[in-house]
C-alpha atoms as a PDB file:
ATOM      1  CA  MET A   1     217.938 -50.589-118.421  1.00  0.00           C
ATOM      2  CA  PRO A   2     214.620 -52.730-119.456  1.00  0.00           C
ATOM      3  CA  ILE A   3     211.876 -52.524-117.214  1.00  0.00           C
ATOM      4  CA  GLU A   4     209.490 -55.743-117.005  1.00  0.00           C
ATOM      5  CA  VAL A   5     205.575 -54.902-117.214  1.00  0.00           C
ATOM      6  CA  THR A   6     203.537 -56.672-114.488  1.00  0.00           C
ATOM      7  CA  ALA A   7     200.069 -57.593-113.429  1.00  0.00           C
ATOM      8  CA  TYR A   8     198.717 -55.473-110.977  1.00  0.00           C
ATOM      9  CA  ILE A   9     198.753 -57.574-108.238  1.00  0.00           C
ATOM     10  CA  PRO A  10     195.777 -56.767-105.246  1.00  0.00           C
ATOM     11  CA  ASN A  11     196.624 -54.988-102.183  1.00  0.00           C
ATOM     12  CA  VAL A  12     192.922 -57.303-100.891  1.00  0.00           C
ATOM     13  CA  ALA A  13     192.133 -60.763-101.335  1.00  0.00           C
ATOM     14  CA  PRO A  14     188.532 -61.686-102.388  1.00  0.00           C
ATOM     15  CA  GLY A  15     186.649 -61.948 -99.257  1.00  0.00           C
ATOM     16  CA  ALA A  16     184.763 -60.527 -96.216  1.00  0.00           C
ATOM     17  CA  TYR A  17     185.815 -58.026 -93.564  1.00  0.00           C
ATOM     18  CA  GLN A  18     184.851 -56.213 -91.229  1.00  0.00           C
ATOM     19  CA  ALA A  19     185.325 -52.274 -92.593  1.00  0.00           C
ATOM     20  CA  VAL A  20     184.952 -49.041 -91.757  1.00  0.00           C
ATOM     21  CA  CYS A  21     183.781 -46.097 -93.827  1.00  0.00           C
ATOM     22  CA  THR A  22     186.227 -43.942 -94.175  1.00  0.00           C
ATOM     23  CA  ASP A  23     185.362 -41.075 -96.333  1.00  0.00           C
ATOM     24  CA  VAL A  24     182.589 -40.449 -99.303  1.00  0.00           C
ATOM     25  CA  GLN A  25     183.373 -37.717-102.036  1.00  0.00           C
ATOM     26  CA  GLU A  26     181.172 -35.809-104.796  1.00  0.00           C
ATOM     27  CA  LYS A  27     183.067 -36.743-108.227  1.00  0.00           C
ATOM     28  CA  ALA A  28     183.379 -35.565-111.597  1.00  0.00           C
ATOM     29  CA  ALA A  29     183.340 -37.816-114.723  1.00  0.00           C
ATOM     30  CA  LYS A  30     186.535 -37.001-115.914  1.00  0.00           C
ATOM     31  CA  ASP A  31     185.188 -37.822-119.367  1.00  0.00           C
ATOM     32  CA  ASP A  32     181.515 -35.518-118.843  1.00  0.00           C
ATOM     33  CA  PRO A  33     182.346 -33.378-115.677  1.00  0.00           C
ATOM     34  CA  SER A  34     178.929 -33.206-115.640  1.00  0.00           C
ATOM     35  CA  ASN A  35     178.600 -36.979-114.852  1.00  0.00           C
ATOM     36  CA  ILE A  36     178.690 -36.744-110.743  1.00  0.00           C
ATOM     37  CA  PHE A  37     179.187 -39.495-108.581  1.00  0.00           C
ATOM     38  CA  ARG A  38     180.442 -40.856-104.920  1.00  0.00           C
ATOM     39  CA  VAL A  39     183.998 -42.236-103.830  1.00  0.00           C
ATOM     40  CA  TRP A  40     183.651 -44.085-100.917  1.00  0.00           C
ATOM     41  CA  GLU A  41     186.311 -45.673 -98.511  1.00  0.00           C
ATOM     42  CA  PHE A  42     186.410 -48.192 -96.734  1.00  0.00           C
ATOM     43  CA  THR A  43     189.349 -49.084 -94.255  1.00  0.00           C
ATOM     44  CA  LEU A  44     189.110 -53.308 -92.916  1.00  0.00           C
ATOM     45  CA  GLY A  45     190.004 -52.788 -89.458  1.00  0.00           C
ATOM     46  CA  ASP A  46     192.586 -55.670 -89.166  1.00  0.00           C
ATOM     47  CA  GLY A  47     194.642 -52.654 -88.090  1.00  0.00           C
ATOM     48  CA  THR A  48     196.567 -52.810 -91.861  1.00  0.00           C
ATOM     49  CA  GLY A  49     195.192 -49.426 -92.921  1.00  0.00           C
ATOM     50  CA  ARG A  50     194.791 -50.924 -96.252  1.00  0.00           C
ATOM     51  CA  THR A  51     191.076 -50.013 -98.153  1.00  0.00           C
ATOM     52  CA  VAL A  52     189.773 -50.023-100.347  1.00  0.00           C
ATOM     53  CA  ARG A  53     186.970 -48.022-102.882  1.00  0.00           C
ATOM     54  CA  ALA A  54     183.386 -48.071-104.752  1.00  0.00           C
ATOM     55  CA  SER A  55     181.942 -45.989-106.445  1.00  0.00           C
ATOM     56  CA  SER A  56     177.566 -44.810-106.485  1.00  0.00           C
ATOM     57  CA  SER A  57     176.079 -42.976-108.590  1.00  0.00           C
ATOM     58  CA  LEU A  58     174.114 -40.271-105.766  1.00  0.00           C
ATOM     59  CA  ALA A  59     170.858 -41.742-106.068  1.00  0.00           C
ATOM     60  CA  THR A  60     169.944 -43.095-102.292  1.00  0.00           C
ATOM     61  CA  THR A  61     166.887 -44.775-103.330  1.00  0.00           C
ATOM     62  CA  PRO A  62     166.463 -48.599-101.237  1.00  0.00           C
ATOM     63  CA  LYS A  63     167.244 -50.248-104.159  1.00  0.00           C
ATOM     64  CA  SER A  64     170.572 -47.825-105.352  1.00  0.00           C
ATOM     65  CA  LYS A  65     174.113 -49.141-104.636  1.00  0.00           C
ATOM     66  CA  GLY A  66     174.273 -45.840-102.554  1.00  0.00           C
ATOM     67  CA  GLY A  67     171.114 -46.627-100.924  1.00  0.00           C
ATOM     68  CA  LYS A  68     171.522 -50.144 -99.735  1.00  0.00           C
ATOM     69  CA  TRP A  69     175.234 -49.151 -98.618  1.00  0.00           C
ATOM     70  CA  ILE A  70     173.537 -46.233 -96.313  1.00  0.00           C
ATOM     71  CA  THR A  71     171.117 -48.863 -94.497  1.00  0.00           C
ATOM     72  CA  ALA A  72     173.669 -51.190 -94.259  1.00  0.00           C
ATOM     73  CA  LEU A  73     175.645 -48.237 -92.365  1.00  0.00           C
ATOM     74  CA  ILE A  74     173.771 -46.897 -90.339  1.00  0.00           C
ATOM     75  CA  GLY A  75     171.129 -49.874 -89.229  1.00  0.00           C
ATOM     76  CA  HIS A  76     168.230 -48.362 -90.938  1.00  0.00           C
ATOM     77  CA  THR A  77     166.260 -47.791 -94.137  1.00  0.00           C
ATOM     78  CA  PRO A  78     166.791 -43.779 -93.613  1.00  0.00           C
ATOM     79  CA  ARG A  79     163.976 -40.926 -94.380  1.00  0.00           C
ATOM     80  CA  VAL A  80     162.947 -39.373 -96.984  1.00  0.00           C
ATOM     81  CA  GLY A  81     164.619 -35.615 -96.088  1.00  0.00           C
ATOM     82  CA  GLU A  82     166.580 -37.606 -93.156  1.00  0.00           C
ATOM     83  CA  SER A  83     170.251 -36.567 -93.226  1.00  0.00           C
ATOM     84  CA  VAL A  84     173.366 -39.199 -92.400  1.00  0.00           C
ATOM     85  CA  GLU A  85     176.784 -39.700 -91.314  1.00  0.00           C
ATOM     86  CA  PRO A  86     178.611 -43.152 -92.858  1.00  0.00           C
ATOM     87  CA  ILE A  87     181.741 -41.859 -92.221  1.00  0.00           C
ATOM     88  CA  GLY A  88     183.002 -43.786 -88.847  1.00  0.00           C
ATOM     89  CA  ARG A  89     180.739 -46.713 -89.224  1.00  0.00           C
ATOM     90  CA  PRO A  90     181.021 -50.557 -89.108  1.00  0.00           C
ATOM     91  CA  CYS A  91     180.291 -52.259 -91.597  1.00  0.00           C
ATOM     92  CA  THR A  92     181.120 -55.612 -93.599  1.00  0.00           C
ATOM     93  CA  ILE A  93     182.279 -54.859 -96.875  1.00  0.00           C
ATOM     94  CA  ILE A  94     182.403 -58.062 -99.860  1.00  0.00           C
ATOM     95  CA  VAL A  95     184.976 -57.559-101.782  1.00  0.00           C
ATOM     96  CA  ALA A  96     185.783 -58.847-105.118  1.00  0.00           C
ATOM     97  CA  ILE A  97     188.422 -58.773-108.375  1.00  0.00           C
ATOM     98  CA  LYS A  98     187.390 -57.134-111.229  1.00  0.00           C
ATOM     99  CA  ASP A  99     187.711 -59.588-114.418  1.00  0.00           C
ATOM    100  CA  THR A 100     188.756 -57.166-117.015  1.00  0.00           C
ATOM    101  CA  THR A 101     191.256 -54.966-114.921  1.00  0.00           C
ATOM    102  CA  GLY A 102     192.316 -57.576-111.964  1.00  0.00           C
ATOM    103  CA  TYR A 103     191.731 -54.470-109.247  1.00  0.00           C
ATOM    104  CA  GLU A 104     189.292 -54.957-105.939  1.00  0.00           C
ATOM    105  CA  TYR A 105     186.702 -53.978-105.649  1.00  0.00           C
ATOM    106  CA  VAL A 106     184.090 -53.592-102.713  1.00  0.00           C
ATOM    107  CA  GLU A 107     180.803 -55.464-104.192  1.00  0.00           C
ATOM    108  CA  THR A 108     179.010 -54.998-101.518  1.00  0.00           C
ATOM    109  CA  VAL A 109     178.226 -53.140 -97.838  1.00  0.00           C
ATOM    110  CA  ALA A 110     176.840 -54.832 -95.137  1.00  0.00           C
ATOM    111  CA  PRO A 111     175.812 -54.692 -91.614  1.00  0.00           C
ATOM    112  CA  ALA A 112     178.378 -54.885 -89.133  1.00  0.00           C
ATOM    113  CA  THR A 113     179.370 -59.198 -88.185  1.00  0.00           C
ATOM    114  CA  GLY A 114     182.049 -57.689 -85.541  1.00  0.00           C
ATOM    115  CA  PRO A 115     184.171 -55.558 -84.367  1.00  0.00           C
ATOM    116  CA  ALA A 116     185.962 -53.934 -86.834  1.00  0.00           C
ATOM    117  CA  VAL A 117     187.821 -50.221 -84.930  1.00  0.00           C
ATOM    118  CA  VAL A 118     190.432 -48.881 -87.192  1.00  0.00           C
ATOM    119  CA  SER A 119     192.795 -47.518 -85.367  1.00  0.00           C
ATOM    120  CA  PRO A 120     196.178 -45.553 -85.760  1.00  0.00           C
ATOM    121  CA  VAL A 121     199.013 -46.766 -87.321  1.00  0.00           C
ATOM    122  CA  ARG A 122     201.299 -47.582 -85.369  1.00  0.00           C
ATOM    123  CA  PRO A 123     205.253 -46.411 -85.821  1.00  0.00           C
ATOM    124  CA  LEU A 124     207.527 -48.780 -86.940  1.00  0.00           C
ATOM    125  CA  VAL A 125     209.849 -48.609 -84.640  1.00  0.00           C
ATOM    126  CA  GLU A 126     209.393 -48.105 -80.844  1.00  0.00           C
ATOM    127  CA  ALA A 127     210.420 -45.340 -78.814  1.00  0.00           C
ATOM    128  CA  PRO A 128     212.956 -46.148 -76.359  1.00  0.00           C
ATOM    129  CA  THR A 129     212.185 -47.097 -73.315  1.00  0.00           C
ATOM    130  CA  THR A 130     215.427 -47.203 -71.000  1.00  0.00           C
ATOM    131  CA  THR A 131     215.975 -43.308 -68.960  1.00  0.00           C
ATOM    132  CA  PRO A 132     218.398 -40.977 -70.625  1.00  0.00           C
ATOM    133  CA  GLN A 133     221.978 -41.412 -69.139  1.00  0.00           C
ATOM    134  CA  GLY A 134     224.282 -38.378 -68.071  1.00  0.00           C
ATOM    135  CA  ASP A 135     224.596 -37.625 -71.712  1.00  0.00           C
ATOM    136  CA  GLY A 136     220.791 -36.844 -72.684  1.00  0.00           C
ATOM    137  CA  GLY A 137     221.514 -39.872 -74.525  1.00  0.00           C
ATOM    138  CA  THR A 138     219.899 -43.759 -74.314  1.00  0.00           C
ATOM    139  CA  GLU A 139     221.427 -47.258 -73.377  1.00  0.00           C
ATOM    140  CA  ASP A 140     219.513 -47.459 -77.804  1.00  0.00           C
ATOM    141  CA  ASP A 141     222.166 -44.953 -78.900  1.00  0.00           C
ATOM    142  CA  GLN A 142     223.818 -47.188 -80.333  1.00  0.00           C
ATOM    143  CA  LEU A 143     223.124 -45.901 -84.145  1.00  0.00           C
ATOM    144  CA  PRO A 144     225.326 -44.939 -86.452  1.00  0.00           C
ATOM    145  CA  PHE A 145     223.596 -41.958 -87.287  1.00  0.00           C
END
């Protein structure tokens, strides 16, 4: 059976989004294990659970990408020696599409301009709200499985 090859369809369209920083990890480059960098994950605050990831160097100076992102997340330029926790902080992210691959990425992290509460994903099926009948089932137990 032939398989049609399709292009990548971005999960997040370009634009500004309220988000929360939900993860930051250090990783090594595949081609050079001595090249360590940070991978940042931002979860959109729209309740969809969609995430966008981006990378930066380990630098945290005010002019570095990571340093600018930390400043936006914590609301001030950190002092040398200050320990900061970016995870759980709200922000505004600017998502762009990479011309060469078509993949979405975080171009900029800025201070939050609105609410960006990441809530747990709701279940697809709500629990029945009816009271149990004599056989222990509910009125909604009409499914064949």
